[in-house]
Amino acid sequence: MTVHFIDLNQLTVYEAGAFIVSLLAYPGESTRDDERRRGAYTSLCACVLRAQAETDSNWATRPQSIKPVYMSQTERAQNQGLGTLRRRLRDRMIAARMAYPFLRDVETGEVPELPPGVKRLSINAMSQLVLEDAGYSDPENVETRIWRPSRPVIHLASAVHDYLHRIGVEHLGLGGLLMRRDVIEHVVRNAEYCEALVRRSNRLHVDADSLVKLRLK
C-alpha cells in the first residue's frame, strides 16, 4: 500500500486536514474511489474557505493566497464532492469502536473487560454490539458494509476516534481535523502507533501491509 506523506510546510493546514478526512472516507485504490476522494478533498477545502469568509469579514476582504480551484467550485459540485462523506465517516467511527478492544489487547497484554453478554472477543461479537448505531439488524451487514470497507484505514479511524473521545465529542466533528495543525499532527502520529498495534494483533486479522499508511514529513 502507498505511503502518504503529510508535509505541513507545503500544504496549508486545511489542505492537510481535508486530505486526511477524504482518505479516511475513500481509502480504496479504484478509479472510482480516487475520483470521490479528490472530489471530497476539493469540496472540504472550499467549505473551509467559504466558512472563513463568512465568519471573518476582515480576512474575506484582504488579499489571500488561495488556489482558484477551491473558490471556483459551484455549490452543486461541492455537494457532489461531499456526497456520502458523512455516512462513510460515521461508518469509520463505528469500525473504530469495534477495533478498540483488539488494540487494547495488544497494547496492554490483556483483553479489556467486555460488555455483558459478550463471551469472547471477535468481530462478529463486536458487530452485534454496534447494530443499533449502525442501523442494521444483522451483524453480517455490519461486517460486510462497515467493517470490511474500513479495514484499510482502521488505524486512522482509531486515531480519530481516540482524539474525539479525549476531547469529549461523541459525533465526528471536522473542525479540529481541518483547522488545527496540532490535531492533525497528533492524529497522524497516533495512526502510525495504531498501525503498529494492528500489525501485532493476532485476533484482529487485518493485513497490516494493506493499511493505508500516513506519515508526517
Protein backbone atom coordinates (compact mmCIF):
# COMPACT_ATOMS: atom_id res chain seq x y z
CA MET A 1 0.00 0.00 0.00
CA THR A 2 1.23 3.51 -0.83
CA VAL A 3 2.69 5.68 1.91
CA HIS A 4 1.13 9.16 2.01
CA PHE A 5 3.33 11.92 3.41
CA ILE A 6 1.74 14.94 5.08
CA ASP A 7 4.06 17.93 4.61
CA LEU A 8 2.69 20.86 6.57
CA ASN A 9 5.41 23.08 5.15
CA GLN A 10 3.97 22.57 1.68
CA LEU A 11 0.26 22.25 2.45
CA THR A 12 -1.98 24.65 4.30
CA VAL A 13 -3.46 23.21 7.48
CA TYR A 14 -6.90 22.86 5.93
CA GLU A 15 -5.46 21.10 2.87
CA ALA A 16 -3.68 18.57 5.09
CA GLY A 17 -6.84 18.05 7.13
CA ALA A 18 -9.02 17.70 4.04
CA PHE A 19 -6.62 15.12 2.63
CA ILE A 20 -6.79 13.03 5.81
CA VAL A 21 -10.58 13.21 6.04
CA SER A 22 -11.10 12.35 2.37
CA LEU A 23 -8.65 9.45 2.62
CA LEU A 24 -10.47 8.16 5.71
CA ALA A 25 -13.75 8.20 3.78
CA TYR A 26 -12.44 6.82 0.48
CA PRO A 27 -9.37 4.62 1.11
CA GLY A 28 -9.84 2.38 -1.93
CA GLU A 29 -7.45 2.29 -4.87
CA SER A 30 -10.07 2.02 -7.61
CA THR A 31 -10.54 4.80 -10.14
CA ARG A 32 -13.99 5.47 -8.68
CA ASP A 33 -12.65 5.85 -5.15
CA ASP A 34 -9.85 8.08 -6.40
CA GLU A 35 -12.39 10.37 -8.10
CA ARG A 36 -14.58 10.51 -5.00
CA ARG A 37 -11.57 11.17 -2.78
CA ARG A 38 -10.42 14.07 -4.96
CA GLY A 39 -13.96 15.45 -5.11
CA ALA A 40 -14.34 15.29 -1.33
CA TYR A 41 -10.92 16.89 -0.83
CA THR A 42 -11.71 19.85 -3.08
CA SER A 43 -15.15 20.30 -1.55
CA LEU A 44 -13.80 20.24 2.01
CA CYS A 45 -11.20 22.89 1.14
CA ALA A 46 -13.91 25.02 -0.45
CA CYS A 47 -16.13 24.63 2.63
CA VAL A 48 -13.34 25.78 4.95
CA LEU A 49 -12.62 28.85 2.84
CA ARG A 50 -16.28 29.80 2.50
CA ALA A 51 -16.82 29.39 6.23
CA GLN A 52 -13.76 31.53 6.92
CA ALA A 53 -15.05 34.24 4.60
CA GLU A 54 -18.49 34.21 6.21
CA THR A 55 -17.21 34.44 9.78
CA ASP A 56 -14.23 36.78 9.31
CA SER A 57 -15.02 39.85 7.21
CA ASN A 58 -11.50 41.24 7.64
CA TRP A 59 -9.99 38.05 6.22
CA ALA A 60 -12.55 37.99 3.42
CA THR A 61 -11.66 41.49 2.23
CA ARG A 62 -7.87 41.12 2.31
CA PRO A 63 -5.72 39.53 -0.44
CA GLN A 64 -5.23 35.81 0.27
CA SER A 65 -3.08 33.09 -1.22
CA ILE A 66 -5.74 30.61 -2.33
CA LYS A 67 -5.83 28.00 -5.08
CA PRO A 68 -8.57 29.11 -7.52
CA VAL A 69 -9.90 25.57 -7.91
CA TYR A 70 -11.35 25.74 -4.41
CA MET A 71 -13.22 29.02 -4.70
CA SER A 72 -14.38 28.42 -8.26
CA GLN A 73 -16.29 25.28 -7.28
CA THR A 74 -20.06 25.59 -7.67
CA GLU A 75 -22.43 24.69 -4.84
CA ARG A 76 -23.67 21.72 -6.86
CA ALA A 77 -20.13 20.44 -7.40
CA GLN A 78 -19.40 20.94 -3.72
CA ASN A 79 -22.46 18.91 -2.70
CA GLN A 80 -21.46 16.17 -5.15
CA GLY A 81 -17.95 16.14 -3.76
CA LEU A 82 -19.18 15.71 -0.21
CA GLY A 83 -21.81 13.15 -1.28
CA THR A 84 -21.80 10.24 1.13
CA LEU A 85 -18.84 11.61 3.09
CA ARG A 86 -20.61 11.97 6.43
CA ARG A 87 -22.11 8.47 6.29
CA ARG A 88 -18.73 6.98 5.45
CA LEU A 89 -17.07 8.85 8.31
CA ARG A 90 -19.79 7.61 10.66
CA ASP A 91 -19.06 4.07 9.47
CA ARG A 92 -15.34 4.55 10.15
CA MET A 93 -16.07 5.62 13.73
CA ILE A 94 -18.27 2.55 14.24
CA ALA A 95 -15.44 0.37 12.90
CA ALA A 96 -13.02 2.11 15.29
CA ARG A 97 -15.26 1.20 18.22
CA MET A 98 -15.22 -2.40 17.03
CA ALA A 99 -11.41 -2.39 16.78
CA TYR A 100 -10.80 -0.73 20.16
CA PRO A 101 -10.73 -3.84 22.40
CA PHE A 102 -8.45 -5.64 19.93
CA LEU A 103 -5.93 -2.80 20.00
CA ARG A 104 -6.15 -2.55 23.80
CA ASP A 105 -5.47 -6.29 23.97
CA VAL A 106 -2.19 -5.75 22.11
CA GLU A 107 -1.29 -2.56 23.96
CA THR A 108 -1.82 -3.87 27.49
CA GLY A 109 -1.38 -7.60 27.02
CA GLU A 110 -4.84 -8.20 28.46
CA VAL A 111 -8.26 -8.45 26.85
CA PRO A 112 -10.27 -5.49 28.18
CA GLU A 113 -13.48 -6.11 30.09
CA LEU A 114 -16.15 -6.99 27.56
CA PRO A 115 -19.76 -5.78 27.70
CA PRO A 116 -22.36 -8.07 29.31
CA GLY A 117 -23.35 -10.92 27.04
CA VAL A 118 -20.09 -10.93 25.08
CA LYS A 119 -18.25 -14.14 25.88
CA ARG A 120 -15.25 -13.74 23.60
CA LEU A 121 -13.53 -11.09 21.57
CA SER A 122 -14.47 -11.41 17.91
CA ILE A 123 -15.54 -9.18 15.03
CA ASN A 124 -18.90 -10.91 14.96
CA ALA A 125 -19.48 -10.17 18.63
CA MET A 126 -18.45 -6.53 18.19
CA SER A 127 -20.72 -6.29 15.13
CA GLN A 128 -23.67 -7.28 17.30
CA LEU A 129 -22.80 -4.60 19.83
CA VAL A 130 -22.94 -1.77 17.27
CA LEU A 131 -26.07 -2.94 15.44
CA GLU A 132 -28.28 -0.13 16.71
CA ASP A 133 -25.81 2.64 15.91
CA ALA A 134 -25.10 1.10 12.52
CA GLY A 135 -28.80 0.90 11.68
CA TYR A 136 -28.73 -2.79 10.84
CA SER A 137 -30.46 -5.83 12.32
CA ASP A 138 -27.97 -8.43 11.07
CA PRO A 139 -24.32 -8.40 12.24
CA GLU A 140 -23.30 -9.79 8.86
CA ASN A 141 -24.36 -6.47 7.31
CA VAL A 142 -22.12 -4.62 9.76
CA GLU A 143 -19.18 -6.81 8.85
CA THR A 144 -19.81 -6.50 5.11
CA ARG A 145 -20.81 -2.85 4.80
CA ILE A 146 -18.90 -1.20 7.64
CA TRP A 147 -16.05 -3.34 8.92
CA ARG A 148 -14.56 -4.65 5.67
CA PRO A 149 -14.50 -1.29 3.84
CA SER A 150 -12.92 0.27 6.94
CA ARG A 151 -10.05 -2.19 7.31
CA PRO A 152 -7.53 -0.31 5.14
CA VAL A 153 -7.88 2.76 7.40
CA ILE A 154 -8.84 1.13 10.69
CA HIS A 155 -5.67 2.53 12.30
CA LEU A 156 -6.52 6.06 11.12
CA ALA A 157 -10.15 5.66 12.18
CA SER A 158 -8.95 4.50 15.60
CA ALA A 159 -6.68 7.53 15.92
CA VAL A 160 -9.51 9.92 15.03
CA HIS A 161 -11.91 8.14 17.38
CA ASP A 162 -9.35 8.34 20.19
CA TYR A 163 -8.94 12.08 19.62
CA LEU A 164 -12.70 12.67 19.69
CA HIS A 165 -13.01 10.58 22.86
CA ARG A 166 -10.27 12.61 24.55
CA ILE A 167 -11.99 15.91 23.83
CA GLY A 168 -15.39 14.54 24.83
CA VAL A 169 -17.07 14.61 21.41
CA GLU A 170 -19.45 11.74 20.66
CA HIS A 171 -20.05 12.51 16.99
CA LEU A 172 -17.48 13.21 14.34
CA GLY A 173 -16.73 16.92 14.18
CA LEU A 174 -14.42 18.03 11.41
CA GLY A 175 -13.35 21.37 12.89
CA GLY A 176 -10.16 20.31 14.63
CA LEU A 177 -9.15 17.91 11.89
CA LEU A 178 -9.47 20.63 9.26
CA MET A 179 -8.25 23.71 11.09
CA ARG A 180 -5.67 22.79 13.75
CA ARG A 181 -2.11 21.77 12.96
CA ASP A 182 -1.58 20.22 16.39
CA VAL A 183 -4.63 17.99 15.97
CA ILE A 184 -3.51 16.86 12.52
CA GLU A 185 -0.01 16.04 13.77
CA HIS A 186 -1.42 14.17 16.78
CA VAL A 187 -3.82 12.11 14.64
CA VAL A 188 -1.16 11.15 12.08
CA ARG A 189 1.32 10.08 14.77
CA ASN A 190 -1.39 8.15 16.63
CA ALA A 191 -2.45 6.47 13.37
CA GLU A 192 1.14 5.26 12.93
CA TYR A 193 1.08 3.94 16.50
CA CYS A 194 -2.24 2.16 15.87
CA GLU A 195 -0.81 0.75 12.66
CA ALA A 196 1.88 -0.98 14.73
CA LEU A 197 -0.78 -2.38 17.09
CA VAL A 198 -2.74 -3.77 14.14
CA ARG A 199 0.41 -5.46 12.89
CA ARG A 200 0.95 -7.13 16.27
CA SER A 201 -2.66 -8.26 16.75
CA ASN A 202 -3.35 -11.97 16.36
CA ARG A 203 -7.10 -11.52 16.88
CA LEU A 204 -7.95 -8.66 14.54
CA HIS A 205 -7.00 -10.50 11.34
CA VAL A 206 -6.23 -7.34 9.35
CA ASP A 207 -3.30 -7.50 6.93
CA ALA A 208 -1.04 -4.68 8.13
CA ASP A 209 0.60 -4.47 4.71
CA SER A 210 -2.77 -3.50 3.22
CA LEU A 211 -3.18 -0.49 5.53
CA VAL A 212 -3.15 2.98 4.01
CA LYS A 213 -0.04 4.49 5.58
CA LEU A 214 0.27 8.12 6.69
CA ARG A 215 3.47 9.84 7.77
CA LEU A 216 4.44 13.38 8.71
CA LYS A 217 7.22 14.77 6.57
